[in-house]
N, C-alpha and C. Protein backbone atom coordinates (compact mmCIF):
# COMPACT_ATOMS: atom_id res chain seq x y z
N SER A 1 91.58 -155.58 -63.26
CA SER A 1 92.57 -155.92 -64.28
C SER A 1 92.58 -154.84 -65.36
N HIS A 2 93.67 -154.78 -66.14
CA HIS A 2 93.73 -153.83 -67.24
C HIS A 2 92.64 -154.11 -68.28
N LEU A 3 92.35 -155.39 -68.48
CA LEU A 3 91.30 -155.76 -69.43
C LEU A 3 89.97 -155.17 -69.01
N GLY A 4 89.64 -155.30 -67.73
CA GLY A 4 88.38 -154.74 -67.22
C GLY A 4 88.33 -153.23 -67.37
N LEU A 5 89.43 -152.55 -67.09
CA LEU A 5 89.48 -151.10 -67.22
C LEU A 5 89.31 -150.67 -68.67
N CYS A 6 89.94 -151.39 -69.59
CA CYS A 6 89.81 -151.06 -71.01
C CYS A 6 88.37 -151.23 -71.48
N GLU A 7 87.72 -152.28 -71.02
CA GLU A 7 86.32 -152.50 -71.37
C GLU A 7 85.45 -151.37 -70.86
N GLU A 8 85.73 -150.90 -69.63
CA GLU A 8 84.98 -149.77 -69.07
C GLU A 8 85.19 -148.51 -69.88
N ILE A 9 86.42 -148.25 -70.30
CA ILE A 9 86.72 -147.05 -71.09
C ILE A 9 85.96 -147.06 -72.41
N VAL A 10 86.00 -148.19 -73.10
CA VAL A 10 85.32 -148.31 -74.40
C VAL A 10 83.81 -148.17 -74.22
N ASN A 11 83.25 -148.87 -73.24
CA ASN A 11 81.80 -148.82 -73.01
C ASN A 11 81.34 -147.43 -72.60
N HIS A 12 82.14 -146.74 -71.77
CA HIS A 12 81.78 -145.39 -71.33
C HIS A 12 81.75 -144.42 -72.52
N ALA A 13 82.76 -144.52 -73.39
CA ALA A 13 82.82 -143.64 -74.55
C ALA A 13 81.63 -143.87 -75.48
N LYS A 14 81.28 -145.13 -75.69
CA LYS A 14 80.16 -145.44 -76.58
C LYS A 14 78.83 -145.01 -75.97
N LYS A 15 78.67 -145.26 -74.67
CA LYS A 15 77.43 -144.91 -73.99
C LYS A 15 77.18 -143.42 -74.01
N ASN A 16 78.23 -142.63 -73.84
CA ASN A 16 78.10 -141.18 -73.78
C ASN A 16 78.40 -140.51 -75.12
N LYS A 17 78.59 -141.33 -76.15
CA LYS A 17 78.85 -140.83 -77.50
C LYS A 17 80.00 -139.83 -77.52
N LYS A 18 81.08 -140.21 -76.84
CA LYS A 18 82.27 -139.36 -76.79
C LYS A 18 83.43 -140.06 -77.51
N PRO A 19 84.39 -139.26 -77.99
CA PRO A 19 85.56 -139.87 -78.64
C PRO A 19 86.31 -140.77 -77.66
N LEU A 20 86.80 -141.85 -78.15
CA LEU A 20 87.56 -142.77 -77.31
C LEU A 20 88.95 -142.17 -77.05
N PRO A 21 89.34 -141.99 -75.79
CA PRO A 21 90.65 -141.39 -75.50
C PRO A 21 91.79 -142.36 -75.80
N ALA A 22 92.97 -141.80 -76.01
CA ALA A 22 94.16 -142.65 -76.13
C ALA A 22 94.35 -143.39 -74.82
N VAL A 23 94.77 -144.65 -74.89
CA VAL A 23 94.91 -145.47 -73.69
C VAL A 23 96.38 -145.84 -73.48
N TYR A 24 96.89 -145.44 -72.33
CA TYR A 24 98.29 -145.70 -71.96
C TYR A 24 98.28 -146.70 -70.80
N ILE A 25 98.83 -147.88 -71.02
CA ILE A 25 98.74 -148.98 -70.07
C ILE A 25 100.10 -149.25 -69.41
N GLU A 26 100.09 -149.37 -68.09
CA GLU A 26 101.31 -149.78 -67.39
C GLU A 26 101.61 -151.24 -67.71
N LYS A 27 102.88 -151.61 -67.69
CA LYS A 27 103.24 -152.99 -67.92
C LYS A 27 103.09 -153.78 -66.61
N PRO A 28 102.87 -155.05 -66.71
CA PRO A 28 102.55 -155.80 -67.92
C PRO A 28 101.14 -155.48 -68.40
N VAL A 29 100.97 -155.44 -69.71
CA VAL A 29 99.67 -155.06 -70.28
C VAL A 29 98.58 -155.99 -69.78
N GLY A 30 98.81 -157.28 -69.86
CA GLY A 30 97.84 -158.26 -69.36
C GLY A 30 98.51 -159.24 -68.42
N ARG A 31 97.70 -159.93 -67.65
CA ARG A 31 98.25 -160.93 -66.73
C ARG A 31 98.69 -162.20 -67.46
N CYS A 32 98.27 -162.30 -68.71
CA CYS A 32 98.68 -163.42 -69.56
C CYS A 32 98.56 -162.97 -71.01
N ALA A 33 99.06 -163.77 -71.93
CA ALA A 33 99.03 -163.41 -73.35
C ALA A 33 97.60 -163.24 -73.84
N ALA A 34 96.68 -164.10 -73.37
CA ALA A 34 95.29 -164.05 -73.83
C ALA A 34 94.64 -162.71 -73.50
N GLU A 35 94.89 -162.18 -72.28
CA GLU A 35 94.33 -160.88 -71.91
C GLU A 35 94.90 -159.77 -72.78
N THR A 36 96.19 -159.82 -73.03
CA THR A 36 96.83 -158.79 -73.85
C THR A 36 96.25 -158.80 -75.26
N ILE A 37 96.09 -159.98 -75.84
CA ILE A 37 95.53 -160.10 -77.18
C ILE A 37 94.11 -159.56 -77.22
N GLN A 38 93.32 -159.84 -76.17
CA GLN A 38 91.95 -159.31 -76.10
C GLN A 38 91.94 -157.80 -76.16
N MET A 39 92.85 -157.17 -75.41
CA MET A 39 92.89 -155.70 -75.39
C MET A 39 93.32 -155.14 -76.74
N VAL A 40 94.33 -155.75 -77.34
CA VAL A 40 94.78 -155.29 -78.65
C VAL A 40 93.66 -155.41 -79.67
N ASP A 41 92.96 -156.54 -79.68
CA ASP A 41 91.86 -156.75 -80.62
C ASP A 41 90.72 -155.77 -80.37
N MET A 42 90.49 -155.46 -79.09
CA MET A 42 89.42 -154.53 -78.73
C MET A 42 89.63 -153.16 -79.38
N PHE A 43 90.86 -152.66 -79.30
CA PHE A 43 91.14 -151.33 -79.84
C PHE A 43 91.39 -151.35 -81.34
N LYS A 44 91.72 -152.50 -81.90
CA LYS A 44 91.85 -152.60 -83.35
C LYS A 44 90.51 -152.36 -84.04
N LYS A 45 89.42 -152.62 -83.32
CA LYS A 45 88.09 -152.43 -83.88
C LYS A 45 87.67 -150.97 -83.91
N GLU A 46 88.41 -150.13 -83.18
CA GLU A 46 88.06 -148.72 -83.07
C GLU A 46 88.88 -147.88 -84.06
N GLU A 47 88.21 -146.91 -84.68
CA GLU A 47 88.87 -145.94 -85.57
C GLU A 47 89.69 -146.64 -86.65
N ASN A 48 89.12 -147.70 -87.21
CA ASN A 48 89.77 -148.46 -88.29
C ASN A 48 91.17 -148.96 -87.90
N GLY A 49 91.29 -149.33 -86.63
CA GLY A 49 92.55 -149.89 -86.17
C GLY A 49 93.63 -148.86 -85.91
N LYS A 50 93.29 -147.58 -85.93
CA LYS A 50 94.30 -146.53 -85.76
C LYS A 50 94.23 -145.88 -84.37
N HIS A 51 93.45 -146.47 -83.48
CA HIS A 51 93.35 -145.87 -82.15
C HIS A 51 94.64 -146.08 -81.36
N LEU A 52 95.02 -145.07 -80.57
CA LEU A 52 96.25 -145.13 -79.79
C LEU A 52 96.07 -145.99 -78.53
N PHE A 53 96.81 -147.08 -78.49
CA PHE A 53 96.82 -147.99 -77.33
C PHE A 53 98.26 -148.45 -77.16
N TYR A 54 98.90 -148.01 -76.11
CA TYR A 54 100.32 -148.29 -75.98
C TYR A 54 100.73 -148.40 -74.53
N THR A 55 101.95 -148.90 -74.32
CA THR A 55 102.48 -149.07 -72.97
C THR A 55 103.85 -148.43 -72.84
N ALA A 56 104.44 -148.54 -71.66
CA ALA A 56 105.62 -147.74 -71.31
C ALA A 56 106.94 -148.34 -71.77
N TYR A 57 107.09 -148.58 -73.06
CA TYR A 57 108.36 -149.09 -73.57
C TYR A 57 109.23 -147.93 -74.03
N MET A 58 109.63 -147.09 -73.07
CA MET A 58 110.38 -145.88 -73.41
C MET A 58 111.86 -146.14 -73.65
N SER A 59 112.34 -147.36 -73.39
CA SER A 59 113.77 -147.61 -73.54
C SER A 59 114.22 -147.51 -75.00
N ARG A 60 113.28 -147.58 -75.94
CA ARG A 60 113.65 -147.39 -77.35
C ARG A 60 114.22 -145.99 -77.58
N ALA A 61 113.78 -145.05 -76.76
CA ALA A 61 114.22 -143.66 -76.93
C ALA A 61 115.47 -143.32 -76.12
N TYR A 62 115.97 -144.26 -75.33
CA TYR A 62 117.16 -144.00 -74.53
C TYR A 62 118.34 -143.61 -75.43
N THR A 63 119.20 -142.75 -74.92
CA THR A 63 120.39 -142.32 -75.65
C THR A 63 121.23 -143.52 -76.07
N ARG A 64 121.39 -144.47 -75.16
CA ARG A 64 122.19 -145.67 -75.44
C ARG A 64 121.57 -146.48 -76.59
N THR A 65 120.27 -146.64 -76.56
CA THR A 65 119.60 -147.42 -77.61
C THR A 65 119.76 -146.77 -78.97
N GLN A 66 119.57 -145.46 -79.03
CA GLN A 66 119.69 -144.76 -80.31
C GLN A 66 121.12 -144.77 -80.83
N ALA A 67 122.10 -144.73 -79.92
CA ALA A 67 123.50 -144.80 -80.34
C ALA A 67 123.81 -146.15 -80.98
N ILE A 68 123.29 -147.22 -80.37
CA ILE A 68 123.50 -148.56 -80.92
C ILE A 68 122.80 -148.71 -82.26
N ARG A 69 121.61 -148.16 -82.36
CA ARG A 69 120.85 -148.24 -83.61
C ARG A 69 121.66 -147.62 -84.76
N LYS A 70 122.34 -146.51 -84.48
CA LYS A 70 123.16 -145.87 -85.51
C LYS A 70 124.36 -146.75 -85.87
N LEU A 71 124.94 -147.39 -84.87
CA LEU A 71 126.08 -148.28 -85.13
C LEU A 71 125.68 -149.47 -86.00
N LEU A 72 124.43 -149.87 -85.90
CA LEU A 72 123.95 -151.05 -86.64
C LEU A 72 123.52 -150.73 -88.07
N LEU A 73 123.61 -149.48 -88.47
CA LEU A 73 123.31 -149.12 -89.86
C LEU A 73 124.33 -149.76 -90.79
N LYS A 74 123.86 -150.35 -91.88
CA LYS A 74 124.77 -151.00 -92.82
C LYS A 74 125.77 -150.02 -93.40
N GLU A 75 125.37 -148.77 -93.55
CA GLU A 75 126.26 -147.78 -94.16
C GLU A 75 127.51 -147.53 -93.31
N ASN A 76 127.40 -147.78 -92.01
CA ASN A 76 128.58 -147.64 -91.15
C ASN A 76 129.53 -148.82 -91.32
N ASN A 77 128.97 -150.02 -91.36
CA ASN A 77 129.70 -151.24 -91.72
C ASN A 77 131.02 -151.42 -90.98
N ASP A 78 131.04 -151.04 -89.71
CA ASP A 78 132.26 -151.20 -88.92
C ASP A 78 132.27 -152.49 -88.10
N LEU A 79 131.08 -153.05 -87.88
CA LEU A 79 130.97 -154.18 -86.96
C LEU A 79 130.92 -155.53 -87.65
N GLY A 80 130.41 -155.57 -88.87
CA GLY A 80 130.28 -156.82 -89.58
C GLY A 80 129.05 -156.81 -90.47
N SER A 81 128.80 -157.91 -91.15
CA SER A 81 127.66 -157.98 -92.06
C SER A 81 126.42 -158.57 -91.41
N ARG A 82 126.60 -159.27 -90.29
CA ARG A 82 125.43 -159.81 -89.60
C ARG A 82 125.74 -160.05 -88.12
N ILE A 83 124.68 -160.03 -87.33
CA ILE A 83 124.77 -160.37 -85.91
C ILE A 83 124.61 -161.88 -85.78
N THR A 84 125.52 -162.52 -85.08
CA THR A 84 125.47 -163.98 -84.97
C THR A 84 124.87 -164.46 -83.64
N SER A 85 125.04 -163.66 -82.58
CA SER A 85 124.46 -164.08 -81.30
C SER A 85 124.21 -162.88 -80.40
N ILE A 86 123.25 -163.06 -79.50
CA ILE A 86 122.89 -162.04 -78.52
C ILE A 86 122.78 -162.73 -77.17
N SER A 87 123.39 -162.16 -76.15
CA SER A 87 123.25 -162.73 -74.81
C SER A 87 123.01 -161.61 -73.80
N TYR A 88 122.25 -161.95 -72.78
CA TYR A 88 121.97 -160.96 -71.72
C TYR A 88 121.93 -161.67 -70.38
N LYS A 89 122.57 -161.05 -69.38
CA LYS A 89 122.57 -161.60 -68.02
C LYS A 89 122.29 -160.49 -67.02
N PHE A 90 121.33 -160.76 -66.14
CA PHE A 90 120.99 -159.79 -65.10
C PHE A 90 120.94 -160.48 -63.74
N LYS A 91 121.58 -159.86 -62.75
CA LYS A 91 121.46 -160.30 -61.36
C LYS A 91 121.30 -159.06 -60.50
N GLY A 92 120.31 -159.07 -59.61
CA GLY A 92 120.06 -157.93 -58.75
C GLY A 92 118.60 -157.88 -58.37
N ASN A 93 118.17 -156.76 -57.79
CA ASN A 93 116.76 -156.66 -57.39
C ASN A 93 115.93 -155.86 -58.37
N GLY A 94 116.55 -155.37 -59.44
CA GLY A 94 115.80 -154.65 -60.45
C GLY A 94 115.29 -153.30 -60.01
N GLY A 95 115.79 -152.80 -58.88
CA GLY A 95 115.34 -151.50 -58.39
C GLY A 95 114.00 -151.52 -57.70
N ILE A 96 113.43 -152.71 -57.51
CA ILE A 96 112.13 -152.81 -56.86
C ILE A 96 112.29 -152.69 -55.35
N ARG A 97 111.50 -151.82 -54.75
CA ARG A 97 111.51 -151.65 -53.30
C ARG A 97 110.43 -152.52 -52.67
N GLY A 98 110.54 -152.74 -51.38
CA GLY A 98 109.51 -153.48 -50.66
C GLY A 98 109.57 -154.97 -50.86
N LEU A 99 110.76 -155.51 -51.11
CA LEU A 99 110.89 -156.95 -51.32
C LEU A 99 110.81 -157.74 -50.02
N THR A 100 111.00 -157.06 -48.90
CA THR A 100 110.89 -157.74 -47.61
C THR A 100 109.78 -157.10 -46.81
N GLY A 101 109.37 -157.80 -45.76
CA GLY A 101 108.29 -157.27 -44.93
C GLY A 101 106.98 -157.95 -45.23
N SER A 102 105.92 -157.48 -44.58
CA SER A 102 104.62 -158.13 -44.70
C SER A 102 103.87 -157.72 -45.96
N SER A 103 104.17 -156.53 -46.50
CA SER A 103 103.50 -156.08 -47.72
C SER A 103 104.49 -156.06 -48.86
N ILE A 104 104.04 -156.33 -50.06
CA ILE A 104 104.92 -156.37 -51.22
C ILE A 104 104.30 -155.55 -52.35
N PRO A 105 105.12 -155.10 -53.32
CA PRO A 105 104.60 -154.34 -54.45
C PRO A 105 103.63 -155.16 -55.28
N TRP A 106 102.68 -154.49 -55.90
CA TRP A 106 101.69 -155.21 -56.73
C TRP A 106 102.38 -155.97 -57.85
N ARG A 107 103.55 -155.51 -58.28
CA ARG A 107 104.27 -156.17 -59.37
C ARG A 107 104.68 -157.59 -59.01
N LEU A 108 104.69 -157.91 -57.72
CA LEU A 108 105.08 -159.24 -57.28
C LEU A 108 103.90 -160.08 -56.81
N ILE A 109 102.69 -159.61 -57.11
CA ILE A 109 101.48 -160.35 -56.75
C ILE A 109 100.89 -160.91 -58.04
N PRO A 110 100.93 -162.23 -58.24
CA PRO A 110 100.52 -162.81 -59.52
C PRO A 110 99.08 -162.50 -59.91
N GLU A 111 98.20 -162.32 -58.92
CA GLU A 111 96.80 -162.00 -59.24
C GLU A 111 96.69 -160.66 -59.96
N TYR A 112 97.63 -159.77 -59.72
CA TYR A 112 97.62 -158.45 -60.35
C TYR A 112 98.56 -158.38 -61.56
N ALA A 113 99.76 -158.93 -61.39
CA ALA A 113 100.80 -158.76 -62.40
C ALA A 113 100.96 -159.95 -63.33
N GLY A 114 100.48 -161.12 -62.93
CA GLY A 114 100.59 -162.30 -63.78
C GLY A 114 101.89 -163.05 -63.62
N GLY A 115 102.92 -162.39 -63.13
CA GLY A 115 104.22 -163.05 -62.98
C GLY A 115 105.18 -162.16 -62.23
N GLY A 116 106.46 -162.47 -62.33
CA GLY A 116 107.47 -161.75 -61.56
C GLY A 116 108.04 -160.54 -62.27
N LEU A 117 109.24 -160.14 -61.85
CA LEU A 117 109.83 -158.89 -62.32
C LEU A 117 110.21 -158.90 -63.80
N VAL A 118 110.37 -160.06 -64.40
CA VAL A 118 110.68 -160.09 -65.83
C VAL A 118 109.55 -159.44 -66.63
N LEU A 119 108.31 -159.64 -66.19
CA LEU A 119 107.17 -159.06 -66.89
C LEU A 119 107.09 -157.56 -66.72
N ASP A 120 107.78 -157.02 -65.71
CA ASP A 120 107.74 -155.58 -65.48
C ASP A 120 109.03 -154.91 -65.93
N ILE A 121 110.16 -155.50 -65.61
CA ILE A 121 111.46 -154.90 -65.91
C ILE A 121 112.13 -155.56 -67.12
N GLY A 122 112.11 -156.88 -67.15
CA GLY A 122 112.79 -157.60 -68.23
C GLY A 122 112.25 -157.30 -69.61
N VAL A 123 110.96 -156.96 -69.69
CA VAL A 123 110.37 -156.70 -71.00
C VAL A 123 110.98 -155.48 -71.68
N HIS A 124 111.56 -154.55 -70.89
CA HIS A 124 112.24 -153.40 -71.51
C HIS A 124 113.41 -153.87 -72.36
N LEU A 125 114.18 -154.79 -71.81
CA LEU A 125 115.33 -155.33 -72.55
C LEU A 125 114.87 -156.08 -73.79
N LEU A 126 113.82 -156.89 -73.64
CA LEU A 126 113.31 -157.65 -74.78
C LEU A 126 112.76 -156.74 -75.86
N ASP A 127 112.09 -155.67 -75.45
CA ASP A 127 111.58 -154.71 -76.43
C ASP A 127 112.73 -154.00 -77.14
N ARG A 128 113.80 -153.72 -76.41
CA ARG A 128 114.96 -153.07 -77.01
C ARG A 128 115.60 -153.97 -78.06
N ILE A 129 115.70 -155.27 -77.77
CA ILE A 129 116.26 -156.21 -78.74
C ILE A 129 115.36 -156.30 -79.97
N ASP A 130 114.06 -156.35 -79.75
CA ASP A 130 113.10 -156.39 -80.85
C ASP A 130 113.28 -155.17 -81.75
N TYR A 131 113.46 -154.03 -81.14
CA TYR A 131 113.62 -152.76 -81.86
C TYR A 131 114.94 -152.71 -82.63
N LEU A 132 116.02 -153.17 -82.01
CA LEU A 132 117.34 -153.07 -82.62
C LEU A 132 117.65 -154.18 -83.61
N CYS A 133 117.15 -155.38 -83.34
CA CYS A 133 117.59 -156.55 -84.10
C CYS A 133 116.48 -157.28 -84.85
N GLY A 134 115.30 -157.35 -84.26
CA GLY A 134 114.21 -158.10 -84.87
C GLY A 134 113.45 -158.88 -83.82
N PRO A 135 112.35 -159.52 -84.21
CA PRO A 135 111.51 -160.24 -83.25
C PRO A 135 112.22 -161.44 -82.62
N ILE A 136 111.90 -161.69 -81.35
CA ILE A 136 112.46 -162.83 -80.62
C ILE A 136 111.51 -164.00 -80.79
N ILE A 137 111.98 -165.09 -81.40
CA ILE A 137 111.10 -166.22 -81.74
C ILE A 137 111.69 -167.53 -81.22
N ASN A 138 110.88 -168.59 -81.35
CA ASN A 138 111.31 -169.95 -80.98
C ASN A 138 111.93 -169.99 -79.58
N ILE A 139 111.15 -169.53 -78.62
CA ILE A 139 111.63 -169.41 -77.24
C ILE A 139 111.47 -170.73 -76.48
N SER A 140 112.50 -171.09 -75.74
CA SER A 140 112.45 -172.29 -74.90
C SER A 140 113.26 -172.02 -73.65
N GLY A 141 112.64 -172.20 -72.47
CA GLY A 141 113.37 -171.90 -71.26
C GLY A 141 112.69 -172.39 -70.01
N GLU A 142 113.06 -171.79 -68.89
CA GLU A 142 112.51 -172.21 -67.61
C GLU A 142 112.40 -171.01 -66.66
N LYS A 143 111.56 -171.18 -65.66
CA LYS A 143 111.44 -170.18 -64.61
C LYS A 143 111.46 -170.92 -63.27
N ALA A 144 111.78 -170.19 -62.21
CA ALA A 144 111.86 -170.83 -60.90
C ALA A 144 111.66 -169.79 -59.81
N LEU A 145 111.26 -170.28 -58.65
CA LEU A 145 111.15 -169.44 -57.46
C LEU A 145 112.24 -169.89 -56.49
N LYS A 146 113.34 -169.16 -56.48
CA LYS A 146 114.46 -169.51 -55.59
C LYS A 146 114.21 -168.99 -54.18
N LYS A 147 113.67 -167.78 -54.11
CA LYS A 147 113.30 -167.17 -52.83
C LYS A 147 114.44 -167.24 -51.81
N ASN A 148 115.53 -166.59 -52.14
CA ASN A 148 116.68 -166.58 -51.25
C ASN A 148 116.65 -165.45 -50.23
N ILE A 149 115.55 -164.68 -50.21
CA ILE A 149 115.40 -163.65 -49.20
C ILE A 149 114.08 -163.87 -48.48
N ASP A 150 113.95 -163.28 -47.31
CA ASP A 150 112.73 -163.40 -46.53
C ASP A 150 111.68 -162.46 -47.10
N SER A 151 110.80 -163.00 -47.93
CA SER A 151 109.78 -162.18 -48.58
C SER A 151 108.53 -163.02 -48.82
N PRO A 152 107.35 -162.41 -48.69
CA PRO A 152 106.11 -163.14 -48.97
C PRO A 152 105.81 -163.27 -50.46
N ALA A 153 106.66 -162.68 -51.31
CA ALA A 153 106.42 -162.77 -52.75
C ALA A 153 106.39 -164.23 -53.19
N ASN A 154 105.44 -164.54 -54.10
CA ASN A 154 105.27 -165.92 -54.52
C ASN A 154 105.22 -166.02 -56.04
N VAL A 155 106.09 -165.24 -56.70
CA VAL A 155 106.21 -165.32 -58.16
C VAL A 155 107.65 -165.68 -58.50
N GLU A 156 107.87 -166.13 -59.72
CA GLU A 156 109.21 -166.54 -60.11
C GLU A 156 110.21 -165.39 -59.95
N ASP A 157 111.39 -165.71 -59.46
CA ASP A 157 112.45 -164.71 -59.34
C ASP A 157 113.68 -165.09 -60.18
N PHE A 158 113.52 -166.14 -60.99
CA PHE A 158 114.59 -166.56 -61.89
C PHE A 158 113.97 -167.01 -63.21
N VAL A 159 114.46 -166.44 -64.31
CA VAL A 159 113.98 -166.81 -65.65
C VAL A 159 115.18 -166.91 -66.58
N GLU A 160 115.22 -167.99 -67.35
CA GLU A 160 116.30 -168.18 -68.32
C GLU A 160 115.71 -168.83 -69.57
N PHE A 161 116.07 -168.31 -70.75
CA PHE A 161 115.57 -168.96 -71.96
C PHE A 161 116.50 -168.72 -73.15
N ASN A 162 116.40 -169.64 -74.10
CA ASN A 162 117.09 -169.54 -75.38
C ASN A 162 116.07 -169.20 -76.46
N ALA A 163 116.52 -168.53 -77.50
CA ALA A 163 115.62 -168.14 -78.58
C ALA A 163 116.46 -167.86 -79.82
N GLU A 164 115.81 -167.38 -80.85
CA GLU A 164 116.53 -166.89 -82.02
C GLU A 164 115.85 -165.62 -82.51
N ILE A 165 116.54 -164.90 -83.36
CA ILE A 165 116.02 -163.64 -83.86
C ILE A 165 115.39 -163.85 -85.23
N GLY A 166 114.16 -163.37 -85.39
CA GLY A 166 113.47 -163.49 -86.66
C GLY A 166 113.79 -162.32 -87.58
N THR A 167 113.11 -162.28 -88.71
CA THR A 167 113.34 -161.24 -89.71
C THR A 167 112.69 -159.93 -89.29
N ARG A 168 113.42 -158.84 -89.42
CA ARG A 168 112.86 -157.53 -89.10
C ARG A 168 111.65 -157.25 -89.98
N PRO A 169 110.57 -156.70 -89.42
CA PRO A 169 109.39 -156.41 -90.22
C PRO A 169 109.56 -155.19 -91.12
N ASP A 170 110.52 -154.32 -90.80
CA ASP A 170 110.75 -153.12 -91.62
C ASP A 170 112.22 -152.71 -91.54
N ASP A 171 112.64 -151.86 -92.44
CA ASP A 171 114.01 -151.33 -92.47
C ASP A 171 115.08 -152.42 -92.49
N LYS A 172 114.74 -153.61 -92.96
CA LYS A 172 115.71 -154.71 -92.91
C LYS A 172 116.90 -154.49 -93.85
N ASP A 173 116.72 -153.63 -94.85
CA ASP A 173 117.82 -153.37 -95.77
C ASP A 173 118.74 -152.27 -95.27
N LYS A 174 118.33 -151.57 -94.21
CA LYS A 174 119.13 -150.47 -93.68
C LYS A 174 120.09 -150.91 -92.57
N TYR A 175 119.72 -151.99 -91.87
CA TYR A 175 120.48 -152.37 -90.68
C TYR A 175 121.17 -153.73 -90.84
N ILE A 176 122.23 -153.93 -90.07
CA ILE A 176 122.94 -155.21 -90.07
C ILE A 176 121.96 -156.34 -89.75
N ASP A 177 121.99 -157.38 -90.53
CA ASP A 177 121.02 -158.47 -90.40
C ASP A 177 121.28 -159.31 -89.16
N ALA A 178 120.21 -159.63 -88.44
CA ALA A 178 120.32 -160.50 -87.26
C ALA A 178 119.47 -161.75 -87.41
N THR A 179 118.85 -161.94 -88.57
CA THR A 179 117.98 -163.09 -88.78
C THR A 179 118.72 -164.40 -88.51
N GLY A 180 118.14 -165.22 -87.65
CA GLY A 180 118.74 -166.51 -87.33
C GLY A 180 119.77 -166.47 -86.22
N ALA A 181 120.07 -165.29 -85.70
CA ALA A 181 121.04 -165.18 -84.60
C ALA A 181 120.52 -165.92 -83.37
N SER A 182 121.41 -166.60 -82.67
CA SER A 182 121.01 -167.26 -81.43
C SER A 182 120.91 -166.22 -80.32
N ALA A 183 120.05 -166.47 -79.35
CA ALA A 183 119.85 -165.53 -78.25
C ALA A 183 119.69 -166.28 -76.94
N HIS A 184 120.31 -165.76 -75.90
CA HIS A 184 120.21 -166.35 -74.57
C HIS A 184 119.99 -165.23 -73.56
N PHE A 185 118.96 -165.39 -72.72
CA PHE A 185 118.61 -164.36 -71.73
C PHE A 185 118.47 -165.00 -70.35
N MET A 186 118.95 -164.28 -69.33
CA MET A 186 118.83 -164.78 -67.96
C MET A 186 118.64 -163.62 -66.99
N TRP A 187 117.63 -163.75 -66.14
CA TRP A 187 117.38 -162.79 -65.06
C TRP A 187 117.35 -163.55 -63.74
N ASP A 188 118.08 -163.06 -62.76
CA ASP A 188 118.08 -163.67 -61.43
C ASP A 188 117.84 -162.56 -60.40
N PHE A 189 116.60 -162.50 -59.90
CA PHE A 189 116.21 -161.51 -58.90
C PHE A 189 116.22 -162.10 -57.49
N SER A 190 116.78 -163.30 -57.35
CA SER A 190 116.67 -164.00 -56.07
C SER A 190 117.62 -163.46 -55.00
N LEU A 191 118.57 -162.62 -55.39
CA LEU A 191 119.49 -162.00 -54.43
C LEU A 191 120.23 -163.03 -53.59
N ALA A 192 120.72 -164.06 -54.25
CA ALA A 192 121.46 -165.11 -53.54
C ALA A 192 122.78 -164.59 -52.99
N ASP A 193 123.33 -163.57 -53.64
CA ASP A 193 124.57 -162.95 -53.16
C ASP A 193 124.53 -161.47 -53.51
N ASN A 194 125.60 -160.77 -53.25
CA ASN A 194 125.63 -159.33 -53.48
C ASN A 194 126.09 -158.95 -54.88
N GLU A 195 126.38 -159.94 -55.70
CA GLU A 195 126.86 -159.67 -57.05
C GLU A 195 125.74 -159.09 -57.91
N GLU A 196 126.01 -157.97 -58.58
CA GLU A 196 125.04 -157.36 -59.48
C GLU A 196 125.61 -157.35 -60.90
N ILE A 197 124.83 -157.83 -61.83
CA ILE A 197 125.25 -157.91 -63.23
C ILE A 197 124.13 -157.39 -64.11
N ASP A 198 124.49 -156.61 -65.12
CA ASP A 198 123.54 -156.12 -66.12
C ASP A 198 124.32 -156.01 -67.43
N LEU A 199 124.41 -157.08 -68.18
CA LEU A 199 125.32 -157.13 -69.32
C LEU A 199 124.65 -157.69 -70.57
N LEU A 200 124.64 -156.88 -71.61
CA LEU A 200 124.12 -157.28 -72.92
C LEU A 200 125.29 -157.35 -73.90
N ILE A 201 125.39 -158.45 -74.64
CA ILE A 201 126.48 -158.63 -75.60
C ILE A 201 125.90 -158.99 -76.97
N LEU A 202 126.29 -158.23 -77.99
CA LEU A 202 125.95 -158.54 -79.37
C LEU A 202 127.24 -158.97 -80.07
N LYS A 203 127.25 -160.15 -80.69
CA LYS A 203 128.43 -160.63 -81.41
C LYS A 203 128.15 -160.64 -82.91
N PHE A 204 129.20 -160.36 -83.70
CA PHE A 204 129.08 -160.22 -85.14
C PHE A 204 129.95 -161.23 -85.87
N ASP A 205 129.67 -161.43 -87.16
CA ASP A 205 130.43 -162.40 -87.95
C ASP A 205 131.88 -161.97 -88.16
N SER A 206 132.20 -160.74 -87.85
CA SER A 206 133.57 -160.23 -87.97
C SER A 206 134.41 -160.56 -86.75
N GLN A 207 133.80 -161.24 -85.76
CA GLN A 207 134.41 -161.54 -84.46
C GLN A 207 134.44 -160.33 -83.54
N LYS A 208 133.87 -159.23 -83.99
CA LYS A 208 133.74 -158.06 -83.12
C LYS A 208 132.50 -158.22 -82.26
N SER A 209 132.39 -157.41 -81.20
CA SER A 209 131.22 -157.48 -80.33
C SER A 209 130.95 -156.12 -79.70
N LEU A 210 129.71 -155.94 -79.28
CA LEU A 210 129.29 -154.78 -78.51
C LEU A 210 128.89 -155.27 -77.13
N GLN A 211 129.40 -154.63 -76.08
CA GLN A 211 129.02 -154.96 -74.71
C GLN A 211 128.53 -153.70 -74.02
N LEU A 212 127.40 -153.81 -73.34
CA LEU A 212 126.83 -152.65 -72.68
C LEU A 212 125.87 -153.07 -71.58
N ALA A 213 125.56 -152.12 -70.71
CA ALA A 213 124.54 -152.36 -69.69
C ALA A 213 123.20 -152.44 -70.40
N GLY A 214 122.46 -153.50 -70.16
CA GLY A 214 121.21 -153.71 -70.89
C GLY A 214 120.08 -152.79 -70.47
N MET A 215 120.03 -152.43 -69.17
CA MET A 215 118.89 -151.66 -68.68
C MET A 215 119.18 -150.19 -68.48
N SER A 216 120.44 -149.78 -68.49
CA SER A 216 120.78 -148.39 -68.21
C SER A 216 120.32 -147.47 -69.33
N PRO A 217 119.73 -146.31 -68.98
CA PRO A 217 119.28 -145.37 -70.01
C PRO A 217 120.42 -144.55 -70.60
N ASN A 218 121.59 -144.56 -69.98
CA ASN A 218 122.69 -143.69 -70.42
C ASN A 218 123.87 -144.47 -71.00
């Protein structure tokens, strides 16, 4: 597990009296929230909490993400004074290969990954919303294993939940406010049909909206 590897890295550095290297972790960081918290707390104890421990949330740097971030600046003020709702819908295989056959990717083995593709692919979209709008809070939803294809995978392939957007921890005076906005997210990796959807919609109090592909880097 990632937790075990992190413990080995820390113990090795201390045993050999060497500087602790920066740690770059593949997603999902932990197989559950408790493991992730353990790792974060572990590195918070090192170098007065300034040690580098991070994962592959590179979608914040995507051209599309940065363009939206500029549009959301209050000084532009073309879209409205606040975001009222956010919705996202995804249908497809998420680009994961090896969904059929006797062997499957580690991302679909709960003992290794903790869950299905939302924990590997969907988190990019959630991190992007967190970055652009604010933290996702008060989550309530469901998951299911539809398994509409012949695959030995035994993790959820459908996730849907409602939430709301909390207050931005920083720069809240620079960007259009999204505090209290309703949010709805849905991922369907079950491949029940050939329809593919990747649509993120931000709605504003001006009745204007932004629509874009949620996962595309361009």
